[in-house]
Structures are given as structure tokens and as C-alpha cells.
């Protein structure tokens, strides 16, 4: 992605909103949003501020031109929680787990600001069909529940990486593994109180 138009369309797609809903969330009309996504409209300062405030977009990345972004290998620091999240039956949460910073390519986490991201290592094989393997590191947007997707979640005293499906009508949450050896787990009733969405997984660093 080299242009602001391409980046705008990319952010809209990742938001899960329709083109109209996304434009309205930024104070734009549907027509203005469409023009921006086609490079026919320059985002105002107000729109840029809303992108940063509402979607936590790194504006340095957004406004960088094609010359500066071509072949970009710049690195940013992400907080790694020294606590494995189980891609399997679950691991106990370490309340006082150490934290340290790890370098990651900025292009891997774009368009997000690194300050709103964290990372944990993965233990187990229940997400292998999503290309998330044992010892990989998943990067997640903290405290972000934005529809069905892959999340880091805590359930009671366990930390998990799972695909999560929300059923608001029936007030249930389904935790789904990406490995047929593990059955889905439905969370409902009182058990929902012990479920916390830690963050939406946006990227994975593979260990070789």
C-alpha cells in the first residue's frame, strides 16, 4: 500500500464496517468516503484526527508517501508478555508475568499504533490450521472486541488463543480451535463472567 487512498480502503476493510458506516464514523458522507478510497479526495486534518482517535491509526504510516514506504524495513517495539497463551486446553495466567519489548517490522502491524498492541507466545497446536503454531508470537490489539475473529482471551485462570464467535441473541460465546482434534467450547451463563477478551489478534511472528 503506497497511497492514502489504498490505506483508507485497507482500514475500512479491517474495521468490519460497511463503506458507508466507516465514512460516517469519520464524519464523512458515503460519497466523500468513496472519493477518498479512489484518491479523488484528500483527507482533512479533522479526518486524520478521527482516524487516530477512533481507530488508533499510526498517522506517520498513513501519510507516508510511496517513496518513503517503498521497501520500508523500519522496526517498532511491541510489549511482549512473558506468558504463554495456550493454543490447546489452556494455561494458568501468571498475574505478575514479566514484560519486555520486542522489535517487529512496522509494516506487519500497520495501520495500528504500536502503543495499543501487545504480544504473547503460543503454546500448543490447536490453531495450526490458521498458521499459528507452537512457539509463535501473536500480536493483538488490546481490549478490542470487534466481531468474530481470532482473539487472545482469558477464561477463569487460563489464557487462550482461539477463534471466537459471538452470539449476542442467545448470549453465548463459542471458542473454536483450528484443529479438528479440539472440539469447540460454548461459554454461556455464569461462565461468561469469567471470560475476558484480552485482544484481537492482528499478526503472527513465526518461530523457525
N, C-alpha and C. Protein backbone atom coordinates (compact mmCIF):
# COMPACT_ATOMS: atom_id res chain seq x y z
N UNK A 1 0.83 -1.20 0.00
CA UNK A 1 0.00 0.00 0.00
C UNK A 1 0.87 1.25 0.00
N UNK A 2 0.69 2.07 -1.01
CA UNK A 2 1.54 3.24 -1.14
C UNK A 2 0.78 4.55 -0.95
N UNK A 3 -0.49 4.59 -1.32
CA UNK A 3 -1.24 5.84 -1.30
C UNK A 3 -2.20 5.89 -0.11
N UNK A 4 -2.61 7.11 0.24
CA UNK A 4 -3.59 7.28 1.31
C UNK A 4 -4.91 6.62 0.94
N UNK A 5 -5.25 6.64 -0.34
CA UNK A 5 -6.49 6.00 -0.80
C UNK A 5 -6.47 4.50 -0.52
N UNK A 6 -5.34 3.85 -0.84
CA UNK A 6 -5.22 2.42 -0.59
C UNK A 6 -5.27 2.11 0.90
N UNK A 7 -4.64 2.96 1.69
CA UNK A 7 -4.61 2.75 3.14
C UNK A 7 -5.98 2.97 3.75
N UNK A 8 -6.70 3.98 3.25
CA UNK A 8 -8.07 4.23 3.73
C UNK A 8 -8.94 3.00 3.47
N UNK A 9 -8.87 2.45 2.25
CA UNK A 9 -9.67 1.27 1.91
C UNK A 9 -9.28 0.07 2.77
N UNK A 10 -7.99 -0.04 3.07
CA UNK A 10 -7.49 -1.15 3.90
C UNK A 10 -8.03 -1.04 5.32
N UNK A 11 -8.00 0.17 5.89
CA UNK A 11 -8.50 0.37 7.25
C UNK A 11 -9.99 0.10 7.31
N UNK A 12 -10.72 0.56 6.29
CA UNK A 12 -12.17 0.33 6.25
C UNK A 12 -12.48 -1.16 6.23
N UNK A 13 -11.74 -1.91 5.42
CA UNK A 13 -11.98 -3.35 5.33
C UNK A 13 -11.71 -4.05 6.66
N UNK A 14 -10.63 -3.64 7.33
CA UNK A 14 -10.28 -4.28 8.61
C UNK A 14 -11.21 -3.86 9.74
N UNK A 15 -11.91 -2.74 9.57
CA UNK A 15 -12.83 -2.29 10.63
C UNK A 15 -14.06 -3.16 10.75
N UNK A 16 -14.40 -3.89 9.67
CA UNK A 16 -15.61 -4.71 9.68
C UNK A 16 -16.86 -3.93 9.36
N UNK A 17 -16.73 -2.62 9.13
CA UNK A 17 -17.87 -1.77 8.82
C UNK A 17 -18.08 -1.69 7.31
N UNK A 18 -19.31 -1.36 6.93
CA UNK A 18 -19.56 -1.10 5.52
C UNK A 18 -18.87 0.20 5.13
N UNK A 19 -18.73 0.45 3.84
CA UNK A 19 -18.08 1.67 3.38
C UNK A 19 -18.83 2.91 3.89
N UNK A 20 -20.16 2.84 3.89
CA UNK A 20 -20.96 3.97 4.37
C UNK A 20 -20.77 4.17 5.87
N UNK A 21 -20.84 3.08 6.64
CA UNK A 21 -20.70 3.17 8.10
C UNK A 21 -19.32 3.70 8.47
N UNK A 22 -18.30 3.23 7.76
CA UNK A 22 -16.94 3.67 8.06
C UNK A 22 -16.79 5.16 7.76
N UNK A 23 -17.29 5.59 6.62
CA UNK A 23 -17.22 7.02 6.27
C UNK A 23 -17.92 7.87 7.32
N UNK A 24 -19.12 7.45 7.72
CA UNK A 24 -19.88 8.22 8.72
C UNK A 24 -19.15 8.29 10.05
N UNK A 25 -18.43 7.22 10.41
CA UNK A 25 -17.70 7.22 11.68
C UNK A 25 -16.58 8.25 11.69
N UNK A 26 -16.17 8.69 10.49
CA UNK A 26 -15.10 9.69 10.38
C UNK A 26 -15.66 11.07 10.06
N UNK A 27 -17.00 11.21 10.09
CA UNK A 27 -17.60 12.49 9.79
C UNK A 27 -17.68 12.78 8.31
N UNK A 28 -17.57 11.74 7.48
CA UNK A 28 -17.65 11.89 6.04
C UNK A 28 -18.97 11.36 5.52
N UNK A 29 -19.39 11.86 4.37
CA UNK A 29 -20.53 11.27 3.70
C UNK A 29 -20.06 10.01 2.97
N UNK A 30 -21.02 9.19 2.54
CA UNK A 30 -20.66 7.99 1.78
C UNK A 30 -19.91 8.38 0.52
N UNK A 31 -20.34 9.46 -0.13
CA UNK A 31 -19.70 9.91 -1.37
C UNK A 31 -18.26 10.36 -1.12
N UNK A 32 -18.05 11.10 -0.02
CA UNK A 32 -16.70 11.56 0.31
C UNK A 32 -15.78 10.37 0.60
N UNK A 33 -16.32 9.39 1.33
CA UNK A 33 -15.54 8.20 1.62
C UNK A 33 -15.16 7.45 0.36
N UNK A 34 -16.12 7.35 -0.57
CA UNK A 34 -15.85 6.68 -1.83
C UNK A 34 -14.78 7.42 -2.62
N UNK A 35 -14.87 8.75 -2.64
CA UNK A 35 -13.88 9.55 -3.36
C UNK A 35 -12.50 9.42 -2.73
N UNK A 36 -12.46 9.36 -1.37
CA UNK A 36 -11.17 9.23 -0.69
C UNK A 36 -10.54 7.89 -1.03
N UNK A 37 -11.35 6.83 -1.07
CA UNK A 37 -10.82 5.50 -1.36
C UNK A 37 -10.35 5.37 -2.80
N UNK A 38 -10.77 6.31 -3.66
CA UNK A 38 -10.34 6.30 -5.07
C UNK A 38 -9.30 7.37 -5.35
N UNK A 39 -8.84 8.03 -4.30
CA UNK A 39 -7.81 9.04 -4.48
C UNK A 39 -8.31 10.35 -5.04
N UNK A 40 -9.62 10.57 -4.99
CA UNK A 40 -10.22 11.79 -5.54
C UNK A 40 -10.51 12.84 -4.47
N UNK A 41 -10.16 12.51 -3.22
CA UNK A 41 -10.48 13.41 -2.11
C UNK A 41 -9.36 13.32 -1.09
N UNK A 42 -8.85 14.45 -0.67
CA UNK A 42 -7.75 14.49 0.30
C UNK A 42 -8.32 14.56 1.71
N UNK A 43 -7.93 13.66 2.60
CA UNK A 43 -8.48 13.71 3.97
C UNK A 43 -8.08 14.99 4.68
N UNK A 44 -9.04 15.61 5.35
CA UNK A 44 -8.77 16.83 6.10
C UNK A 44 -8.05 16.51 7.40
N UNK A 45 -7.60 17.54 8.08
CA UNK A 45 -6.95 17.36 9.37
C UNK A 45 -7.92 16.71 10.36
N UNK A 46 -9.20 17.10 10.29
CA UNK A 46 -10.21 16.53 11.19
C UNK A 46 -10.38 15.02 10.95
N UNK A 47 -10.35 14.62 9.68
CA UNK A 47 -10.49 13.20 9.36
C UNK A 47 -9.29 12.42 9.88
N UNK A 48 -8.09 12.99 9.72
CA UNK A 48 -6.89 12.33 10.21
C UNK A 48 -6.95 12.16 11.73
N UNK A 49 -7.43 13.19 12.42
CA UNK A 49 -7.54 13.12 13.88
C UNK A 49 -8.51 12.02 14.28
N UNK A 50 -9.64 11.92 13.57
CA UNK A 50 -10.61 10.86 13.88
C UNK A 50 -10.04 9.48 13.62
N UNK A 51 -9.27 9.34 12.54
CA UNK A 51 -8.62 8.05 12.28
C UNK A 51 -7.72 7.65 13.44
N UNK A 52 -6.98 8.61 13.96
CA UNK A 52 -6.07 8.34 15.08
C UNK A 52 -6.84 8.04 16.35
N UNK A 53 -7.92 8.80 16.60
CA UNK A 53 -8.64 8.66 17.87
C UNK A 53 -9.59 7.47 17.88
N UNK A 54 -10.31 7.25 16.78
CA UNK A 54 -11.33 6.20 16.75
C UNK A 54 -10.73 4.84 16.44
N UNK A 55 -9.74 4.81 15.52
CA UNK A 55 -9.19 3.53 15.08
C UNK A 55 -7.73 3.33 15.47
N UNK A 56 -7.19 4.27 16.26
CA UNK A 56 -5.81 4.15 16.75
C UNK A 56 -4.81 3.95 15.63
N UNK A 57 -5.01 4.70 14.55
CA UNK A 57 -4.15 4.58 13.39
C UNK A 57 -2.86 5.37 13.61
N UNK A 58 -1.75 4.79 13.20
CA UNK A 58 -0.47 5.47 13.23
C UNK A 58 -0.43 6.42 12.03
N UNK A 59 -0.58 7.71 12.29
CA UNK A 59 -0.67 8.68 11.20
C UNK A 59 0.63 8.83 10.42
N UNK A 60 1.75 8.54 11.08
CA UNK A 60 3.02 8.56 10.35
C UNK A 60 2.99 7.55 9.21
N UNK A 61 2.46 6.37 9.48
CA UNK A 61 2.29 5.34 8.45
C UNK A 61 1.28 5.79 7.40
N UNK A 62 0.17 6.40 7.85
CA UNK A 62 -0.91 6.72 6.92
C UNK A 62 -0.50 7.77 5.90
N UNK A 63 0.22 8.80 6.36
CA UNK A 63 0.53 9.90 5.44
C UNK A 63 1.87 9.72 4.73
N UNK A 64 2.62 8.64 5.06
CA UNK A 64 3.89 8.40 4.39
C UNK A 64 3.65 8.18 2.90
N UNK A 65 4.46 8.83 2.07
CA UNK A 65 4.26 8.69 0.63
C UNK A 65 4.94 7.44 0.11
N UNK A 66 4.71 7.16 -1.15
CA UNK A 66 5.21 5.91 -1.74
C UNK A 66 6.73 5.85 -1.73
N UNK A 67 7.38 7.01 -1.84
CA UNK A 67 8.84 7.00 -1.87
C UNK A 67 9.42 6.54 -0.55
N UNK A 68 8.80 7.00 0.56
CA UNK A 68 9.33 6.64 1.88
C UNK A 68 8.91 5.25 2.32
N UNK A 69 7.78 4.77 1.76
CA UNK A 69 7.29 3.47 2.20
C UNK A 69 7.81 2.33 1.33
N UNK A 70 8.38 2.66 0.16
CA UNK A 70 8.89 1.63 -0.73
C UNK A 70 10.05 0.90 -0.06
N UNK A 71 9.90 -0.42 0.09
CA UNK A 71 10.96 -1.21 0.70
C UNK A 71 11.18 -0.89 2.17
N UNK A 72 10.16 -0.40 2.84
CA UNK A 72 10.30 0.03 4.23
C UNK A 72 10.62 -1.15 5.12
N UNK A 73 11.70 -1.05 5.87
CA UNK A 73 12.07 -2.11 6.81
C UNK A 73 12.19 -1.56 8.23
N UNK A 74 11.53 -0.42 8.49
CA UNK A 74 11.62 0.18 9.81
C UNK A 74 10.99 -0.73 10.85
N UNK A 75 11.52 -0.66 12.07
CA UNK A 75 11.06 -1.51 13.15
C UNK A 75 10.42 -0.67 14.25
N UNK A 76 9.47 -1.27 14.94
CA UNK A 76 8.85 -0.64 16.11
C UNK A 76 8.90 -1.64 17.26
N UNK A 77 8.64 -1.16 18.47
CA UNK A 77 8.70 -2.02 19.65
C UNK A 77 7.29 -2.34 20.14
N UNK A 78 7.06 -3.61 20.43
CA UNK A 78 5.79 -4.10 20.96
C UNK A 78 6.05 -4.76 22.30
N UNK A 79 5.14 -4.55 23.24
CA UNK A 79 5.26 -5.19 24.55
C UNK A 79 4.94 -6.68 24.45
N UNK A 80 5.89 -7.51 24.85
CA UNK A 80 5.67 -8.95 24.92
C UNK A 80 5.45 -9.35 26.37
N UNK A 81 4.32 -9.99 26.63
CA UNK A 81 4.03 -10.51 27.96
C UNK A 81 4.64 -11.90 28.06
N UNK A 82 5.55 -12.08 28.99
CA UNK A 82 6.22 -13.38 29.13
C UNK A 82 5.29 -14.39 29.79
N UNK A 83 4.26 -14.71 29.05
CA UNK A 83 3.23 -15.64 29.49
C UNK A 83 2.71 -16.34 28.24
N UNK A 84 2.80 -17.63 28.20
CA UNK A 84 2.33 -18.35 27.02
C UNK A 84 0.81 -18.43 27.01
N UNK A 85 0.23 -18.18 25.85
CA UNK A 85 -1.21 -18.37 25.67
C UNK A 85 -1.41 -19.70 24.98
N UNK A 86 -2.26 -20.52 25.53
CA UNK A 86 -2.38 -21.89 25.04
C UNK A 86 -3.24 -21.96 23.79
N UNK A 87 -2.68 -22.57 22.75
CA UNK A 87 -3.47 -22.99 21.61
C UNK A 87 -3.72 -24.48 21.84
N UNK A 88 -4.53 -24.75 22.85
CA UNK A 88 -4.79 -26.09 23.32
C UNK A 88 -5.75 -26.00 24.50
N UNK A 89 -5.58 -26.80 25.54
CA UNK A 89 -6.55 -26.83 26.63
C UNK A 89 -6.49 -25.64 27.56
N UNK A 90 -5.41 -24.88 27.61
CA UNK A 90 -5.36 -23.71 28.48
C UNK A 90 -4.19 -23.74 29.44
N UNK A 91 -3.65 -22.56 29.72
CA UNK A 91 -2.57 -22.42 30.68
C UNK A 91 -2.97 -21.40 31.74
N UNK A 92 -2.49 -21.60 32.94
CA UNK A 92 -2.81 -20.66 34.00
C UNK A 92 -2.15 -19.31 33.73
N UNK A 93 -2.90 -18.26 34.05
CA UNK A 93 -2.38 -16.91 33.88
C UNK A 93 -1.41 -16.59 35.01
N UNK A 94 -0.28 -16.04 34.64
CA UNK A 94 0.68 -15.58 35.64
C UNK A 94 0.40 -14.12 35.92
N UNK A 95 -0.15 -13.84 37.10
CA UNK A 95 -0.61 -12.49 37.42
C UNK A 95 0.50 -11.45 37.31
N UNK A 96 1.71 -11.84 37.65
CA UNK A 96 2.81 -10.88 37.63
C UNK A 96 3.84 -11.26 36.55
N UNK A 97 3.34 -11.66 35.40
CA UNK A 97 4.23 -12.04 34.30
C UNK A 97 5.11 -10.86 33.91
N UNK A 98 6.36 -11.15 33.63
CA UNK A 98 7.29 -10.09 33.19
C UNK A 98 6.89 -9.59 31.81
N UNK A 99 7.28 -8.36 31.54
CA UNK A 99 7.01 -7.74 30.24
C UNK A 99 8.31 -7.17 29.69
N UNK A 100 8.48 -7.31 28.40
CA UNK A 100 9.65 -6.74 27.75
C UNK A 100 9.28 -6.32 26.34
N UNK A 101 10.09 -5.49 25.74
CA UNK A 101 9.81 -5.00 24.39
C UNK A 101 10.53 -5.87 23.36
N UNK A 102 9.84 -6.14 22.26
CA UNK A 102 10.44 -6.87 21.16
C UNK A 102 10.29 -6.05 19.88
N UNK A 103 11.27 -6.11 19.00
CA UNK A 103 11.18 -5.37 17.73
C UNK A 103 10.36 -6.15 16.71
N UNK A 104 9.48 -5.45 15.99
CA UNK A 104 8.73 -6.05 14.90
C UNK A 104 8.71 -5.09 13.72
N UNK A 105 8.61 -5.59 12.50
CA UNK A 105 8.53 -4.68 11.35
C UNK A 105 7.26 -3.83 11.41
N UNK A 106 7.40 -2.55 11.17
CA UNK A 106 6.24 -1.67 11.22
C UNK A 106 5.17 -2.09 10.22
N UNK A 107 5.61 -2.58 9.06
CA UNK A 107 4.65 -2.98 8.03
C UNK A 107 3.77 -4.14 8.49
N UNK A 108 4.25 -4.94 9.45
CA UNK A 108 3.49 -6.09 9.93
C UNK A 108 2.28 -5.66 10.74
N UNK A 109 2.39 -4.54 11.45
CA UNK A 109 1.30 -4.12 12.34
C UNK A 109 0.49 -2.96 11.78
N UNK A 110 0.89 -2.42 10.63
CA UNK A 110 0.14 -1.32 10.03
C UNK A 110 -1.31 -1.74 9.81
N UNK A 111 -2.27 -0.85 10.10
CA UNK A 111 -2.10 0.58 10.35
C UNK A 111 -2.08 0.96 11.82
N UNK A 112 -1.88 -0.01 12.72
CA UNK A 112 -2.07 0.27 14.13
C UNK A 112 -0.86 0.94 14.78
N UNK A 113 -1.16 1.78 15.75
CA UNK A 113 -0.12 2.38 16.57
C UNK A 113 0.41 1.32 17.53
N UNK A 114 1.72 1.14 17.61
CA UNK A 114 2.27 0.07 18.46
C UNK A 114 1.92 0.21 19.93
N UNK A 115 1.58 1.42 20.38
CA UNK A 115 1.28 1.63 21.80
C UNK A 115 0.01 0.91 22.25
N UNK A 116 -0.87 0.53 21.31
CA UNK A 116 -2.12 -0.15 21.69
C UNK A 116 -2.03 -1.65 21.48
N UNK A 117 -0.82 -2.15 21.20
CA UNK A 117 -0.64 -3.57 20.91
C UNK A 117 0.18 -4.27 21.98
N UNK A 118 -0.07 -5.55 22.15
CA UNK A 118 0.74 -6.40 23.00
C UNK A 118 0.97 -7.72 22.28
N UNK A 119 1.82 -8.55 22.83
CA UNK A 119 2.12 -9.84 22.21
C UNK A 119 2.29 -10.90 23.28
N UNK A 120 1.97 -12.13 22.91
CA UNK A 120 2.21 -13.29 23.77
C UNK A 120 2.68 -14.44 22.89
N UNK A 121 3.45 -15.33 23.46
CA UNK A 121 3.85 -16.52 22.73
C UNK A 121 2.75 -17.57 22.81
N UNK A 122 2.75 -18.49 21.87
CA UNK A 122 1.71 -19.51 21.76
C UNK A 122 2.28 -20.86 22.18
N UNK A 123 1.47 -21.61 22.92
CA UNK A 123 1.87 -22.95 23.33
C UNK A 123 0.78 -23.93 22.90
N UNK A 124 1.14 -24.87 22.05
CA UNK A 124 0.16 -25.87 21.63
C UNK A 124 -0.11 -25.84 20.14
N UNK A 125 -1.01 -26.73 19.71
CA UNK A 125 -1.24 -26.93 18.27
C UNK A 125 -2.68 -26.75 17.84
N UNK A 126 -3.52 -26.14 18.68
CA UNK A 126 -4.94 -26.09 18.34
C UNK A 126 -5.28 -25.05 17.28
N UNK A 127 -4.31 -24.20 16.89
CA UNK A 127 -4.60 -23.17 15.88
C UNK A 127 -3.75 -23.37 14.62
N UNK A 128 -3.29 -24.58 14.40
CA UNK A 128 -2.36 -24.81 13.29
C UNK A 128 -3.01 -24.58 11.93
N UNK A 129 -4.31 -24.80 11.81
CA UNK A 129 -4.97 -24.56 10.52
C UNK A 129 -5.12 -23.08 10.21
N UNK A 130 -4.84 -22.23 11.19
CA UNK A 130 -4.78 -20.78 10.97
C UNK A 130 -3.33 -20.31 10.85
N UNK A 131 -2.42 -21.28 10.67
CA UNK A 131 -0.99 -20.99 10.53
C UNK A 131 -0.40 -20.35 11.79
N UNK A 132 -0.99 -20.67 12.95
CA UNK A 132 -0.46 -20.24 14.25
C UNK A 132 0.06 -21.49 14.94
N UNK A 133 1.37 -21.57 15.06
CA UNK A 133 1.99 -22.80 15.53
C UNK A 133 2.61 -22.64 16.92
N UNK A 134 2.95 -23.76 17.51
CA UNK A 134 3.61 -23.76 18.81
C UNK A 134 4.88 -22.90 18.76
N UNK A 135 5.06 -22.05 19.76
CA UNK A 135 6.22 -21.16 19.91
C UNK A 135 6.12 -19.88 19.06
N UNK A 136 5.08 -19.74 18.22
CA UNK A 136 4.88 -18.49 17.50
C UNK A 136 4.52 -17.38 18.49
N UNK A 137 4.62 -16.15 18.06
CA UNK A 137 4.20 -14.99 18.85
C UNK A 137 3.04 -14.32 18.14
N UNK A 138 1.91 -14.17 18.85
CA UNK A 138 0.77 -13.45 18.27
C UNK A 138 0.74 -12.03 18.82
N UNK A 139 0.46 -11.09 17.93
CA UNK A 139 0.34 -9.68 18.30
C UNK A 139 -1.14 -9.34 18.29
N UNK A 140 -1.61 -8.71 19.36
CA UNK A 140 -3.04 -8.42 19.46
C UNK A 140 -3.30 -6.98 19.87
N UNK A 141 -4.43 -6.47 19.39
CA UNK A 141 -4.90 -5.14 19.75
C UNK A 141 -5.64 -5.26 21.07
N UNK A 142 -5.13 -4.61 22.09
CA UNK A 142 -5.61 -4.81 23.46
C UNK A 142 -7.06 -4.40 23.65
N UNK A 143 -7.79 -5.26 24.40
CA UNK A 143 -9.17 -4.99 24.81
C UNK A 143 -10.05 -4.60 23.64
N UNK A 144 -9.87 -5.29 22.52
CA UNK A 144 -10.62 -4.94 21.32
C UNK A 144 -11.47 -6.11 20.88
N UNK A 145 -12.81 -5.98 21.04
CA UNK A 145 -13.74 -6.98 20.54
C UNK A 145 -14.51 -6.34 19.39
N UNK A 146 -14.25 -6.79 18.18
CA UNK A 146 -14.85 -6.15 17.01
C UNK A 146 -15.47 -7.19 16.08
N UNK A 147 -16.27 -8.07 16.67
CA UNK A 147 -16.90 -9.12 15.86
C UNK A 147 -16.10 -10.40 15.89
N UNK A 148 -16.61 -11.40 15.20
CA UNK A 148 -15.97 -12.70 15.18
C UNK A 148 -14.54 -12.62 14.63
N UNK A 149 -13.66 -13.41 15.19
CA UNK A 149 -12.27 -13.40 14.73
C UNK A 149 -11.40 -14.18 15.69
N UNK A 150 -10.09 -14.08 15.50
CA UNK A 150 -9.14 -14.76 16.37
C UNK A 150 -8.73 -13.80 17.48
N UNK A 151 -8.84 -14.27 18.72
CA UNK A 151 -8.59 -13.42 19.89
C UNK A 151 -7.68 -14.13 20.89
N UNK A 152 -7.01 -13.31 21.68
CA UNK A 152 -6.41 -13.78 22.93
C UNK A 152 -7.47 -13.54 24.00
N UNK A 153 -7.86 -14.59 24.72
CA UNK A 153 -8.90 -14.47 25.74
C UNK A 153 -8.41 -15.10 27.03
N UNK A 154 -8.93 -14.60 28.13
CA UNK A 154 -8.70 -15.27 29.41
C UNK A 154 -10.03 -15.83 29.88
N UNK A 155 -9.99 -17.06 30.36
CA UNK A 155 -11.18 -17.74 30.85
C UNK A 155 -10.84 -18.29 32.23
N UNK A 156 -11.38 -17.64 33.25
CA UNK A 156 -11.01 -18.02 34.60
C UNK A 156 -9.53 -17.76 34.80
N UNK A 157 -8.78 -18.81 35.06
CA UNK A 157 -7.33 -18.66 35.28
C UNK A 157 -6.51 -19.21 34.12
N UNK A 158 -7.10 -19.23 32.92
CA UNK A 158 -6.38 -19.71 31.74
C UNK A 158 -6.34 -18.64 30.65
N UNK A 159 -5.27 -18.66 29.89
CA UNK A 159 -5.09 -17.74 28.77
C UNK A 159 -5.09 -18.56 27.49
N UNK A 160 -5.89 -18.14 26.52
CA UNK A 160 -6.09 -18.93 25.30
C UNK A 160 -5.97 -18.07 24.05
N UNK A 161 -5.60 -18.70 22.94
CA UNK A 161 -5.73 -18.11 21.61
C UNK A 161 -6.74 -18.97 20.86
N UNK A 162 -7.87 -18.36 20.49
CA UNK A 162 -8.94 -19.11 19.83
C UNK A 162 -9.66 -18.24 18.82
N UNK A 163 -10.32 -18.89 17.87
CA UNK A 163 -11.29 -18.17 17.05
C UNK A 163 -12.56 -18.03 17.89
N UNK A 164 -13.09 -16.81 17.96
CA UNK A 164 -14.22 -16.52 18.82
C UNK A 164 -15.43 -16.13 17.96
N UNK A 165 -16.57 -16.76 18.26
CA UNK A 165 -17.83 -16.42 17.59
C UNK A 165 -18.81 -15.95 18.65
N UNK A 166 -19.30 -14.71 18.48
CA UNK A 166 -20.21 -14.12 19.44
C UNK A 166 -21.66 -14.32 18.98
N UNK A 167 -22.50 -14.81 19.86
CA UNK A 167 -23.94 -14.93 19.60
C UNK A 167 -24.66 -14.07 20.61
N UNK A 168 -24.86 -12.80 20.27
CA UNK A 168 -25.48 -11.86 21.21
C UNK A 168 -26.93 -12.19 21.48
N UNK A 169 -27.61 -12.79 20.50
CA UNK A 169 -29.03 -13.11 20.67
C UNK A 169 -29.22 -14.15 21.76
N UNK A 170 -28.40 -15.21 21.70
CA UNK A 170 -28.52 -16.28 22.69
C UNK A 170 -27.57 -16.12 23.88
N UNK A 171 -26.81 -15.01 23.86
CA UNK A 171 -25.89 -14.69 24.95
C UNK A 171 -24.90 -15.83 25.19
N UNK A 172 -24.25 -16.25 24.11
CA UNK A 172 -23.22 -17.28 24.21
C UNK A 172 -22.00 -16.84 23.41
N UNK A 173 -20.87 -17.42 23.76
CA UNK A 173 -19.62 -17.20 23.03
C UNK A 173 -19.03 -18.56 22.74
N UNK A 174 -18.66 -18.78 21.49
CA UNK A 174 -18.08 -20.06 21.09
C UNK A 174 -16.59 -19.89 20.87
N UNK A 175 -15.80 -20.71 21.56
CA UNK A 175 -14.35 -20.73 21.39
C UNK A 175 -14.00 -21.90 20.47
N UNK A 176 -13.41 -21.56 19.32
CA UNK A 176 -13.22 -22.56 18.27
C UNK A 176 -11.74 -22.75 17.97
N UNK A 177 -11.29 -23.98 17.97
CA UNK A 177 -9.92 -24.29 17.61
C UNK A 177 -9.81 -24.46 16.11
N UNK A 178 -8.60 -24.27 15.59
CA UNK A 178 -8.35 -24.50 14.17
C UNK A 178 -7.58 -25.81 14.03
N UNK A 179 -8.13 -26.84 14.67
CA UNK A 179 -7.55 -28.18 14.64
C UNK A 179 -8.68 -29.13 15.01
N UNK A 180 -8.98 -30.06 14.14
CA UNK A 180 -10.13 -30.95 14.34
C UNK A 180 -10.00 -31.82 15.59
N UNK A 181 -8.80 -31.88 16.16
CA UNK A 181 -8.61 -32.68 17.38
C UNK A 181 -9.25 -32.01 18.60
N UNK A 182 -9.60 -30.73 18.48
CA UNK A 182 -10.16 -30.00 19.61
C UNK A 182 -11.59 -29.57 19.28
N UNK A 183 -12.53 -29.94 20.13
CA UNK A 183 -13.93 -29.58 19.91
C UNK A 183 -14.18 -28.13 20.32
N UNK A 184 -15.13 -27.45 19.67
CA UNK A 184 -15.50 -26.10 20.09
C UNK A 184 -16.04 -26.11 21.52
N UNK A 185 -15.88 -24.99 22.20
CA UNK A 185 -16.37 -24.87 23.57
C UNK A 185 -17.33 -23.70 23.66
N UNK A 186 -18.55 -23.97 24.09
CA UNK A 186 -19.55 -22.90 24.22
C UNK A 186 -19.52 -22.33 25.64
N UNK A 187 -19.41 -21.01 25.72
CA UNK A 187 -19.40 -20.33 27.00
C UNK A 187 -20.73 -19.60 27.16
N UNK A 188 -21.43 -19.87 28.25
CA UNK A 188 -22.73 -19.26 28.48
C UNK A 188 -23.00 -19.14 29.97
N UNK A 189 -24.09 -18.48 30.31
CA UNK A 189 -24.50 -18.37 31.70
C UNK A 189 -23.45 -17.71 32.58
N UNK A 190 -23.30 -18.26 33.78
CA UNK A 190 -22.36 -17.68 34.76
C UNK A 190 -20.92 -17.73 34.28
N UNK A 191 -20.61 -18.70 33.41
CA UNK A 191 -19.23 -18.83 32.93
C UNK A 191 -18.79 -17.63 32.10
N UNK A 192 -19.77 -16.93 31.52
CA UNK A 192 -19.45 -15.73 30.73
C UNK A 192 -18.76 -14.67 31.58
N UNK A 193 -19.07 -14.64 32.88
CA UNK A 193 -18.48 -13.64 33.76
C UNK A 193 -16.98 -13.84 33.92
N UNK A 194 -16.51 -15.05 33.69
CA UNK A 194 -15.08 -15.33 33.84
C UNK A 194 -14.33 -15.21 32.51
N UNK A 195 -15.06 -14.85 31.45
CA UNK A 195 -14.44 -14.70 30.12
C UNK A 195 -14.09 -13.24 29.88
N UNK A 196 -12.85 -12.99 29.49
CA UNK A 196 -12.41 -11.64 29.18
C UNK A 196 -11.69 -11.64 27.84
N UNK A 197 -12.09 -10.72 26.98
CA UNK A 197 -11.40 -10.55 25.71
C UNK A 197 -10.15 -9.71 25.96
N UNK A 198 -8.99 -10.32 25.82
CA UNK A 198 -7.74 -9.59 26.02
C UNK A 198 -7.38 -8.76 24.79
N UNK A 199 -7.69 -9.28 23.62
CA UNK A 199 -7.39 -8.51 22.42
C UNK A 199 -7.57 -9.31 21.15
N UNK A 200 -7.75 -8.58 20.05
CA UNK A 200 -7.95 -9.15 18.73
C UNK A 200 -6.60 -9.39 18.06
N UNK A 201 -6.33 -10.61 17.65
CA UNK A 201 -5.06 -10.94 17.02
C UNK A 201 -5.00 -10.31 15.63
N UNK A 202 -3.92 -9.53 15.39
CA UNK A 202 -3.78 -8.86 14.10
C UNK A 202 -2.59 -9.38 13.30
N UNK A 203 -1.67 -10.09 13.94
CA UNK A 203 -0.48 -10.56 13.23
C UNK A 203 0.17 -11.69 14.01
N UNK A 204 1.04 -12.41 13.32
CA UNK A 204 1.75 -13.53 13.95
C UNK A 204 3.20 -13.54 13.51
N UNK A 205 4.08 -13.69 14.47
CA UNK A 205 5.51 -13.84 14.18
C UNK A 205 5.85 -15.32 14.30
N UNK A 206 6.34 -15.90 13.23
CA UNK A 206 6.62 -17.33 13.24
C UNK A 206 8.04 -17.61 13.72
N UNK A 207 8.16 -18.63 14.55
CA UNK A 207 9.45 -19.07 15.03
C UNK A 207 9.98 -20.17 14.12
N UNK A 208 11.23 -20.07 13.72
CA UNK A 208 11.81 -21.08 12.85
C UNK A 208 13.00 -21.74 13.55
